[in-house]
C-alpha atoms as a PDB file:
ATOM      1  CA  UNK A   1       0.831  35.242 -49.277  1.00  0.00           C
ATOM      2  CA  UNK A   2       0.281  35.057 -45.508  1.00  0.00           C
ATOM      3  CA  UNK A   3       0.027  38.411 -43.799  1.00  0.00           C
ATOM      4  CA  UNK A   4       1.929  39.183 -40.607  1.00  0.00           C
ATOM      5  CA  UNK A   5      -1.405  39.591 -38.850  1.00  0.00           C
ATOM      6  CA  UNK A   6      -2.623  36.124 -39.922  1.00  0.00           C
ATOM      7  CA  UNK A   7       0.744  34.579 -39.057  1.00  0.00           C
ATOM      8  CA  UNK A   8       0.605  36.053 -35.560  1.00  0.00           C
ATOM      9  CA  UNK A   9      -2.921  34.753 -35.063  1.00  0.00           C
ATOM     10  CA  UNK A  10      -1.865  31.256 -36.155  1.00  0.00           C
ATOM     11  CA  UNK A  11       1.105  31.265 -33.807  1.00  0.00           C
ATOM     12  CA  UNK A  12      -1.099  32.407 -30.923  1.00  0.00           C
ATOM     13  CA  UNK A  13      -3.511  29.540 -31.609  1.00  0.00           C
ATOM     14  CA  UNK A  14      -0.721  26.953 -31.718  1.00  0.00           C
ATOM     15  CA  UNK A  15       0.790  28.229 -28.469  1.00  0.00           C
ATOM     16  CA  UNK A  16      -2.615  28.270 -26.731  1.00  0.00           C
ATOM     17  CA  UNK A  17      -3.387  24.698 -27.792  1.00  0.00           C
ATOM     18  CA  UNK A  18       0.075  23.562 -26.663  1.00  0.00           C
ATOM     19  CA  UNK A  19      -0.358  25.140 -23.218  1.00  0.00           C
ATOM     20  CA  UNK A  20      -3.776  23.530 -22.778  1.00  0.00           C
ATOM     21  CA  UNK A  21      -2.354  20.153 -23.787  1.00  0.00           C
ATOM     22  CA  UNK A  22       0.553  20.537 -21.347  1.00  0.00           C
ATOM     23  CA  UNK A  23      -1.712  21.454 -18.440  1.00  0.00           C
ATOM     24  CA  UNK A  24      -4.047  18.557 -19.135  1.00  0.00           C
ATOM     25  CA  UNK A  25      -1.145  16.115 -19.196  1.00  0.00           C
ATOM     26  CA  UNK A  26       0.195  17.342 -15.843  1.00  0.00           C
ATOM     27  CA  UNK A  27      -3.130  17.686 -13.999  1.00  0.00           C
ATOM     28  CA  UNK A  28      -4.127  14.733 -11.827  1.00  0.00           C
ATOM     29  CA  UNK A  29      -7.269  13.090 -13.113  1.00  0.00           C
ATOM     30  CA  UNK A  30      -6.714   9.484 -12.109  1.00  0.00           C
ATOM     31  CA  UNK A  31      -4.162   8.808 -14.852  1.00  0.00           C
ATOM     32  CA  UNK A  32      -0.384   9.086 -14.929  1.00  0.00           C
ATOM     33  CA  UNK A  33       1.849   8.264 -17.859  1.00  0.00           C
ATOM     34  CA  UNK A  34       5.558   7.783 -17.342  1.00  0.00           C
ATOM     35  CA  UNK A  35       8.438   6.206 -19.223  1.00  0.00           C
ATOM     36  CA  UNK A  36      10.922   6.372 -16.359  1.00  0.00           C
ATOM     37  CA  UNK A  37      10.288   2.878 -15.020  1.00  0.00           C
ATOM     38  CA  UNK A  38       7.571   0.669 -13.636  1.00  0.00           C
ATOM     39  CA  UNK A  39       5.639   0.938 -10.394  1.00  0.00           C
ATOM     40  CA  UNK A  40       6.060  -2.073  -8.116  1.00  0.00           C
ATOM     41  CA  UNK A  41       3.326  -2.941  -5.625  1.00  0.00           C
ATOM     42  CA  UNK A  42       4.084  -5.519  -2.925  1.00  0.00           C
ATOM     43  CA  UNK A  43       0.938  -6.902  -1.280  1.00  0.00           C
ATOM     44  CA  UNK A  44       1.582  -8.789   1.943  1.00  0.00           C
ATOM     45  CA  UNK A  45       0.187  -9.602   5.376  1.00  0.00           C
ATOM     46  CA  UNK A  46      -2.030 -12.251   6.923  1.00  0.00           C
ATOM     47  CA  UNK A  47      -5.488 -13.694   6.263  1.00  0.00           C
ATOM     48  CA  UNK A  48      -7.332 -10.567   5.146  1.00  0.00           C
ATOM     49  CA  UNK A  49      -4.615  -9.989   2.558  1.00  0.00           C
ATOM     50  CA  UNK A  50      -4.895 -13.646   1.583  1.00  0.00           C
ATOM     51  CA  UNK A  51      -8.618 -13.074   1.021  1.00  0.00           C
ATOM     52  CA  UNK A  52      -8.146  -9.988  -1.136  1.00  0.00           C
ATOM     53  CA  UNK A  53      -8.014 -10.745  -4.856  1.00  0.00           C
ATOM     54  CA  UNK A  54      -5.964  -8.011  -6.555  1.00  0.00           C
ATOM     55  CA  UNK A  55      -7.431  -8.725  -9.989  1.00  0.00           C
ATOM     56  CA  UNK A  56     -10.910  -7.628  -8.860  1.00  0.00           C
ATOM     57  CA  UNK A  57     -10.138  -4.012  -8.003  1.00  0.00           C
ATOM     58  CA  UNK A  58      -6.530  -3.279  -7.030  1.00  0.00           C
ATOM     59  CA  UNK A  59      -4.921  -4.222 -10.336  1.00  0.00           C
ATOM     60  CA  UNK A  60      -7.563  -2.556 -12.559  1.00  0.00           C
ATOM     61  CA  UNK A  61      -7.316   0.685 -10.546  1.00  0.00           C
ATOM     62  CA  UNK A  62      -3.531   1.049 -10.625  1.00  0.00           C
ATOM     63  CA  UNK A  63      -3.443  -0.139 -14.252  1.00  0.00           C
ATOM     64  CA  UNK A  64      -5.899   2.587 -15.203  1.00  0.00           C
ATOM     65  CA  UNK A  65      -3.707   5.152 -13.467  1.00  0.00           C
ATOM     66  CA  UNK A  66      -0.337   4.093 -14.843  1.00  0.00           C
ATOM     67  CA  UNK A  67      -1.048   1.755 -17.746  1.00  0.00           C
ATOM     68  CA  UNK A  68      -1.134  -2.023 -17.433  1.00  0.00           C
ATOM     69  CA  UNK A  69       2.384  -2.365 -18.845  1.00  0.00           C
ATOM     70  CA  UNK A  70       3.780   0.015 -16.233  1.00  0.00           C
ATOM     71  CA  UNK A  71       2.795  -1.867 -13.081  1.00  0.00           C
ATOM     72  CA  UNK A  72       4.172  -4.977 -11.406  1.00  0.00           C
ATOM     73  CA  UNK A  73       2.097  -6.535  -8.635  1.00  0.00           C
ATOM     74  CA  UNK A  74       3.499  -9.155  -6.277  1.00  0.00           C
ATOM     75  CA  UNK A  75       1.288 -10.706  -3.619  1.00  0.00           C
ATOM     76  CA  UNK A  76       2.588 -12.997  -0.901  1.00  0.00           C
ATOM     77  CA  UNK A  77       0.565 -13.428   2.286  1.00  0.00           C
ATOM     78  CA  UNK A  78       0.056 -16.080   4.957  1.00  0.00           C
ATOM     79  CA  UNK A  79      -2.857 -16.529   7.361  1.00  0.00           C
ATOM     80  CA  UNK A  80      -2.445 -16.292  11.124  1.00  0.00           C
ATOM     81  CA  UNK A  81       1.061 -14.828  11.090  1.00  0.00           C
ATOM     82  CA  UNK A  82       2.669 -12.256  13.346  1.00  0.00           C
ATOM     83  CA  UNK A  83       4.721  -9.405  11.910  1.00  0.00           C
ATOM     84  CA  UNK A  84       7.623 -11.193  13.600  1.00  0.00           C
ATOM     85  CA  UNK A  85       7.473 -13.694  10.732  1.00  0.00           C
ATOM     86  CA  UNK A  86       8.599 -10.961   8.330  1.00  0.00           C
ATOM     87  CA  UNK A  87      11.026  -9.038  10.553  1.00  0.00           C
ATOM     88  CA  UNK A  88      14.446 -10.520  11.185  1.00  0.00           C
ATOM     89  CA  UNK A  89      15.105  -8.966  14.600  1.00  0.00           C
ATOM     90  CA  UNK A  90      13.460  -9.104  18.008  1.00  0.00           C
ATOM     91  CA  UNK A  91      12.326  -5.788  19.487  1.00  0.00           C
ATOM     92  CA  UNK A  92      10.556  -7.054  22.621  1.00  0.00           C
ATOM     93  CA  UNK A  93      12.380  -7.485  25.881  1.00  0.00           C
ATOM     94  CA  UNK A  94      12.310 -10.035  27.195  1.00  0.00           C
ATOM     95  CA  UNK A  95      11.573 -11.864  23.919  1.00  0.00           C
ATOM     96  CA  UNK A  96       8.058 -13.349  23.966  1.00  0.00           C
ATOM     97  CA  UNK A  97       7.659 -17.086  24.399  1.00  0.00           C
ATOM     98  CA  UNK A  98       3.890 -17.304  23.972  1.00  0.00           C
ATOM     99  CA  UNK A  99       1.521 -16.189  21.236  1.00  0.00           C
ATOM    100  CA  UNK A 100       2.386 -16.089  17.539  1.00  0.00           C
ATOM    101  CA  UNK A 101       6.163 -16.318  17.844  1.00  0.00           C
ATOM    102  CA  UNK A 102       7.845 -18.012  14.849  1.00  0.00           C
ATOM    103  CA  UNK A 103      10.649 -20.475  15.443  1.00  0.00           C
ATOM    104  CA  UNK A 104      12.786 -18.416  13.086  1.00  0.00           C
ATOM    105  CA  UNK A 105      12.365 -14.642  13.014  1.00  0.00           C
ATOM    106  CA  UNK A 106      11.632 -13.356   9.531  1.00  0.00           C
ATOM    107  CA  UNK A 107      10.916 -16.814   8.162  1.00  0.00           C
ATOM    108  CA  UNK A 108       8.398 -15.443   5.612  1.00  0.00           C
ATOM    109  CA  UNK A 109      10.510 -12.502   4.509  1.00  0.00           C
ATOM    110  CA  UNK A 110      12.827 -14.504   2.275  1.00  0.00           C
ATOM    111  CA  UNK A 111       9.880 -16.039   0.450  1.00  0.00           C
ATOM    112  CA  UNK A 112       8.435 -12.581  -0.149  1.00  0.00           C
ATOM    113  CA  UNK A 113      11.647 -10.999  -1.426  1.00  0.00           C
ATOM    114  CA  UNK A 114      12.364 -13.973  -3.683  1.00  0.00           C
ATOM    115  CA  UNK A 115       8.997 -13.454  -5.369  1.00  0.00           C
ATOM    116  CA  UNK A 116       9.704  -9.750  -5.724  1.00  0.00           C
ATOM    117  CA  UNK A 117      13.224 -10.088  -7.158  1.00  0.00           C
ATOM    118  CA  UNK A 118      12.001 -12.693  -9.647  1.00  0.00           C
ATOM    119  CA  UNK A 119       9.163 -10.408 -10.783  1.00  0.00           C
ATOM    120  CA  UNK A 120      11.372  -7.338 -11.289  1.00  0.00           C
ATOM    121  CA  UNK A 121      14.387  -9.035 -12.844  1.00  0.00           C
ATOM    122  CA  UNK A 122      15.564  -7.009 -15.828  1.00  0.00           C
ATOM    123  CA  UNK A 123      13.028  -4.232 -15.144  1.00  0.00           C
ATOM    124  CA  UNK A 124      13.578  -0.573 -14.351  1.00  0.00           C
ATOM    125  CA  UNK A 125      11.618   0.286 -11.212  1.00  0.00           C
ATOM    126  CA  UNK A 126      10.435   3.839 -10.585  1.00  0.00           C
ATOM    127  CA  UNK A 127       8.550   3.420  -7.284  1.00  0.00           C
ATOM    128  CA  UNK A 128       7.947   0.664  -4.751  1.00  0.00           C
ATOM    129  CA  UNK A 129       4.820   0.527  -2.577  1.00  0.00           C
ATOM    130  CA  UNK A 130       4.235  -1.964   0.225  1.00  0.00           C
ATOM    131  CA  UNK A 131       0.550  -2.623   0.870  1.00  0.00           C
ATOM    132  CA  UNK A 132       0.324  -4.175   4.342  1.00  0.00           C
ATOM    133  CA  UNK A 133      -2.791  -5.877   5.790  1.00  0.00           C
ATOM    134  CA  UNK A 134      -1.814  -7.522   9.053  1.00  0.00           C
ATOM    135  CA  UNK A 135      -1.975  -7.136  12.822  1.00  0.00           C
ATOM    136  CA  UNK A 136      -4.620  -9.440  14.292  1.00  0.00           C
ATOM    137  CA  UNK A 137      -1.893 -11.894  15.335  1.00  0.00           C
ATOM    138  CA  UNK A 138       0.066  -9.245  17.240  1.00  0.00           C
ATOM    139  CA  UNK A 139      -2.361  -8.246  19.966  1.00  0.00           C
ATOM    140  CA  UNK A 140       0.270  -9.008  22.608  1.00  0.00           C
ATOM    141  CA  UNK A 141       3.089  -7.334  20.674  1.00  0.00           C
ATOM    142  CA  UNK A 142       4.648  -4.500  22.678  1.00  0.00           C
ATOM    143  CA  UNK A 143       6.801  -3.179  19.823  1.00  0.00           C
ATOM    144  CA  UNK A 144       4.570  -3.372  16.764  1.00  0.00           C
ATOM    145  CA  UNK A 145       5.544   0.126  15.578  1.00  0.00           C
ATOM    146  CA  UNK A 146       9.235  -0.761  15.726  1.00  0.00           C
ATOM    147  CA  UNK A 147       8.598  -3.877  13.669  1.00  0.00           C
ATOM    148  CA  UNK A 148       6.801  -1.770  11.046  1.00  0.00           C
ATOM    149  CA  UNK A 149       9.875   0.456  10.824  1.00  0.00           C
ATOM    150  CA  UNK A 150      12.159  -2.556  10.502  1.00  0.00           C
ATOM    151  CA  UNK A 151      10.031  -4.097   7.761  1.00  0.00           C
ATOM    152  CA  UNK A 152      10.292  -0.864   5.787  1.00  0.00           C
ATOM    153  CA  UNK A 153      14.059  -0.633   6.376  1.00  0.00           C
ATOM    154  CA  UNK A 154      14.600  -4.254   5.346  1.00  0.00           C
ATOM    155  CA  UNK A 155      12.812  -3.762   2.031  1.00  0.00           C
ATOM    156  CA  UNK A 156      14.547  -0.452   1.313  1.00  0.00           C
ATOM    157  CA  UNK A 157      17.924  -2.067   1.946  1.00  0.00           C
ATOM    158  CA  UNK A 158      17.334  -5.337   0.093  1.00  0.00           C
ATOM    159  CA  UNK A 159      15.603  -3.732  -2.905  1.00  0.00           C
ATOM    160  CA  UNK A 160      18.133  -0.877  -2.911  1.00  0.00           C
ATOM    161  CA  UNK A 161      15.570   1.903  -2.896  1.00  0.00           C
ATOM    162  CA  UNK A 162      15.743   5.194  -1.027  1.00  0.00           C
ATOM    163  CA  UNK A 163      12.156   5.512   0.134  1.00  0.00           C
ATOM    164  CA  UNK A 164       9.462   2.869   0.253  1.00  0.00           C
ATOM    165  CA  UNK A 165       5.845   3.935  -0.028  1.00  0.00           C
ATOM    166  CA  UNK A 166       3.661   2.165   2.511  1.00  0.00           C
ATOM    167  CA  UNK A 167      -0.112   1.732   2.747  1.00  0.00           C
ATOM    168  CA  UNK A 168      -1.377   0.056   5.926  1.00  0.00           C
ATOM    169  CA  UNK A 169      -4.778  -1.505   6.383  1.00  0.00           C
ATOM    170  CA  UNK A 170      -5.848  -0.804   9.954  1.00  0.00           C
ATOM    171  CA  UNK A 171      -7.275  -3.955  11.536  1.00  0.00           C
ATOM    172  CA  UNK A 172     -11.055  -3.850  11.725  1.00  0.00           C
ATOM    173  CA  UNK A 173     -13.468  -3.409  14.616  1.00  0.00           C
ATOM    174  CA  UNK A 174     -13.862  -7.169  14.984  1.00  0.00           C
ATOM    175  CA  UNK A 175     -13.793  -8.071  18.672  1.00  0.00           C
ATOM    176  CA  UNK A 176     -14.088  -4.532  19.982  1.00  0.00           C
ATOM    177  CA  UNK A 177     -17.308  -5.546  21.721  1.00  0.00           C
ATOM    178  CA  UNK A 178     -15.535  -8.377  23.582  1.00  0.00           C
ATOM    179  CA  UNK A 179     -13.403  -7.622  26.618  1.00  0.00           C
ATOM    180  CA  UNK A 180     -10.943 -10.435  25.961  1.00  0.00           C
ATOM    181  CA  UNK A 181      -7.834  -9.020  24.248  1.00  0.00           C
ATOM    182  CA  UNK A 182      -9.620  -5.697  23.744  1.00  0.00           C
ATOM    183  CA  UNK A 183      -6.617  -3.696  24.937  1.00  0.00           C
ATOM    184  CA  UNK A 184      -4.396  -5.415  22.376  1.00  0.00           C
ATOM    185  CA  UNK A 185      -6.815  -4.716  19.527  1.00  0.00           C
ATOM    186  CA  UNK A 186      -7.103  -1.065  20.431  1.00  0.00           C
ATOM    187  CA  UNK A 187      -3.329  -0.800  20.729  1.00  0.00           C
ATOM    188  CA  UNK A 188      -2.624  -2.232  17.270  1.00  0.00           C
ATOM    189  CA  UNK A 189      -5.305  -0.027  15.691  1.00  0.00           C
ATOM    190  CA  UNK A 190      -3.800   3.025  17.380  1.00  0.00           C
ATOM    191  CA  UNK A 191      -0.237   2.163  16.361  1.00  0.00           C
ATOM    192  CA  UNK A 192      -1.169   1.540  12.728  1.00  0.00           C
ATOM    193  CA  UNK A 193      -2.979   4.869  12.439  1.00  0.00           C
ATOM    194  CA  UNK A 194      -0.335   6.881  14.304  1.00  0.00           C
ATOM    195  CA  UNK A 195       2.512   5.247  12.403  1.00  0.00           C
ATOM    196  CA  UNK A 196       0.912   6.081   9.049  1.00  0.00           C
ATOM    197  CA  UNK A 197       0.173   9.662  10.051  1.00  0.00           C
ATOM    198  CA  UNK A 198       3.656  10.317  11.439  1.00  0.00           C
ATOM    199  CA  UNK A 199       5.759   8.737   8.690  1.00  0.00           C
ATOM    200  CA  UNK A 200       6.577  10.196   5.287  1.00  0.00           C
ATOM    201  CA  UNK A 201       5.171   8.401   2.230  1.00  0.00           C
ATOM    202  CA  UNK A 202       2.764   6.400   4.390  1.00  0.00           C
ATOM    203  CA  UNK A 203      -1.033   6.153   4.428  1.00  0.00           C
ATOM    204  CA  UNK A 204      -3.635   3.968   6.145  1.00  0.00           C
ATOM    205  CA  UNK A 205      -7.067   2.723   5.155  1.00  0.00           C
ATOM    206  CA  UNK A 206     -10.130   2.042   7.279  1.00  0.00           C
ATOM    207  CA  UNK A 207     -11.643  -1.464   7.210  1.00  0.00           C
ATOM    208  CA  UNK A 208     -14.374  -1.140   9.844  1.00  0.00           C
ATOM    209  CA  UNK A 209     -17.180  -1.279   7.286  1.00  0.00           C
ATOM    210  CA  UNK A 210     -15.847  -4.272   5.342  1.00  0.00           C
ATOM    211  CA  UNK A 211     -16.611  -7.088   7.788  1.00  0.00           C
ATOM    212  CA  UNK A 212     -20.270  -6.596   8.729  1.00  0.00           C
ATOM    213  CA  UNK A 213     -22.440  -9.712   8.449  1.00  0.00           C
ATOM    214  CA  UNK A 214     -25.993 -10.428   9.455  1.00  0.00           C
ATOM    215  CA  UNK A 215     -26.523 -13.508  11.599  1.00  0.00           C
ATOM    216  CA  UNK A 216     -30.093 -14.205  12.726  1.00  0.00           C
ATOM    217  CA  UNK A 217     -30.976 -10.603  11.960  1.00  0.00           C
ATOM    218  CA  UNK A 218     -28.113  -9.236  14.045  1.00  0.00           C
ATOM    219  CA  UNK A 219     -25.089  -7.447  12.563  1.00  0.00           C
ATOM    220  CA  UNK A 220     -21.777  -8.896  13.709  1.00  0.00           C
ATOM    221  CA  UNK A 221     -18.292  -7.591  13.012  1.00  0.00           C
ATOM    222  CA  UNK A 222     -16.518 -10.633  11.648  1.00  0.00           C
ATOM    223  CA  UNK A 223     -12.754 -11.159  11.697  1.00  0.00           C
ATOM    224  CA  UNK A 224     -12.736 -11.598   7.933  1.00  0.00           C
ATOM    225  CA  UNK A 225     -14.399  -9.441   5.316  1.00  0.00           C
ATOM    226  CA  UNK A 226     -17.321 -10.218   3.025  1.00  0.00           C
ATOM    227  CA  UNK A 227     -16.676 -10.558  -0.757  1.00  0.00           C
ATOM    228  CA  UNK A 228     -17.679  -6.979  -1.513  1.00  0.00           C
ATOM    229  CA  UNK A 229     -15.523  -5.888   1.419  1.00  0.00           C
ATOM    230  CA  UNK A 230     -12.438  -7.418  -0.168  1.00  0.00           C
ATOM    231  CA  UNK A 231     -13.226  -5.711  -3.468  1.00  0.00           C
ATOM    232  CA  UNK A 232     -13.568  -2.341  -1.710  1.00  0.00           C
ATOM    233  CA  UNK A 233     -10.371  -2.984   0.263  1.00  0.00           C
ATOM    234  CA  UNK A 234      -8.406  -3.504  -2.946  1.00  0.00           C
ATOM    235  CA  UNK A 235      -9.811  -0.301  -4.386  1.00  0.00           C
ATOM    236  CA  UNK A 236      -8.948   1.693  -1.257  1.00  0.00           C
ATOM    237  CA  UNK A 237      -5.420   0.322  -1.209  1.00  0.00           C
ATOM    238  CA  UNK A 238      -4.978   1.216  -4.875  1.00  0.00           C
ATOM    239  CA  UNK A 239      -6.232   4.779  -4.468  1.00  0.00           C
ATOM    240  CA  UNK A 240      -3.971   5.459  -1.486  1.00  0.00           C
ATOM    241  CA  UNK A 241      -1.017   3.989  -3.393  1.00  0.00           C
ATOM    242  CA  UNK A 242      -1.750   6.214  -6.381  1.00  0.00           C
ATOM    243  CA  UNK A 243      -2.004   9.248  -4.086  1.00  0.00           C
ATOM    244  CA  UNK A 244       1.452   8.564  -2.646  1.00  0.00           C
ATOM    245  CA  UNK A 245       3.020   8.144  -6.065  1.00  0.00           C
ATOM    246  CA  UNK A 246       1.307  11.276  -7.341  1.00  0.00           C
ATOM    247  CA  UNK A 247       2.648  13.235  -4.370  1.00  0.00           C
ATOM    248  CA  UNK A 248       6.161  12.074  -5.240  1.00  0.00           C
ATOM    249  CA  UNK A 249       5.596  13.008  -8.883  1.00  0.00           C
ATOM    250  CA  UNK A 250       4.465  16.512  -7.890  1.00  0.00           C
ATOM    251  CA  UNK A 251       7.515  16.971  -5.658  1.00  0.00           C
ATOM    252  CA  UNK A 252       9.782  15.915  -8.516  1.00  0.00           C
ATOM    253  CA  UNK A 253       8.138  18.420 -10.855  1.00  0.00           C
ATOM    254  CA  UNK A 254       8.658  21.209  -8.309  1.00  0.00           C
ATOM    255  CA  UNK A 255      12.360  20.363  -7.991  1.00  0.00           C
ATOM    256  CA  UNK A 256      12.908  20.250 -11.755  1.00  0.00           C
ATOM    257  CA  UNK A 257      14.407  23.578 -12.915  1.00  0.00           C
END
């Protein structure tokens, strides 16, 4: 026959173990489990996104965090393209006639969204994160920040989501030692950083150390990244994306009565 004293001790042990298990499941340790839908990651931009292979670091990192069956990754990028090729409206006045100006505004956007809608058909989506690596083709763009806002709004509207997470790769230090188009490079770098730091659910990653090459014993800052640079870029994008989703998860837990 179990005594009241032994019964109380057993109950205390069960409760203690349960509390420890609960805390360990909620604490952030690089892993999140959820059954409320999948996490969609949209990877887009120009050549440095083209060069990044998600399977090397981005996909393994987010899969480790959420489980490989809980992530959907869609990549669609095109080299040498202005952000105007994804945004449907013009925000520069007068409209530019030189530089990377597509014949049809937003001509790449439809291709991107078609890929996305095909990938998520029949799926329940919990979060959507846009990972954006682009900007070198917009050095003469006087409204780059407005285009970033429009791109976000377009995706939120067309995918019918309230808030899009956004991770921006700031263009690298390539060309900062050359006077030609220096002002444009500095402007885009500034806008990308300020936009990310001023917008909710938005982060940016540094790429200045991903493009260093040695040529005749001299280090040059190339336009494109070296193989290890692309691997690191994917990892940085993944970690920032996970951070944003974790922040949302924490906010949801706080609101839950």
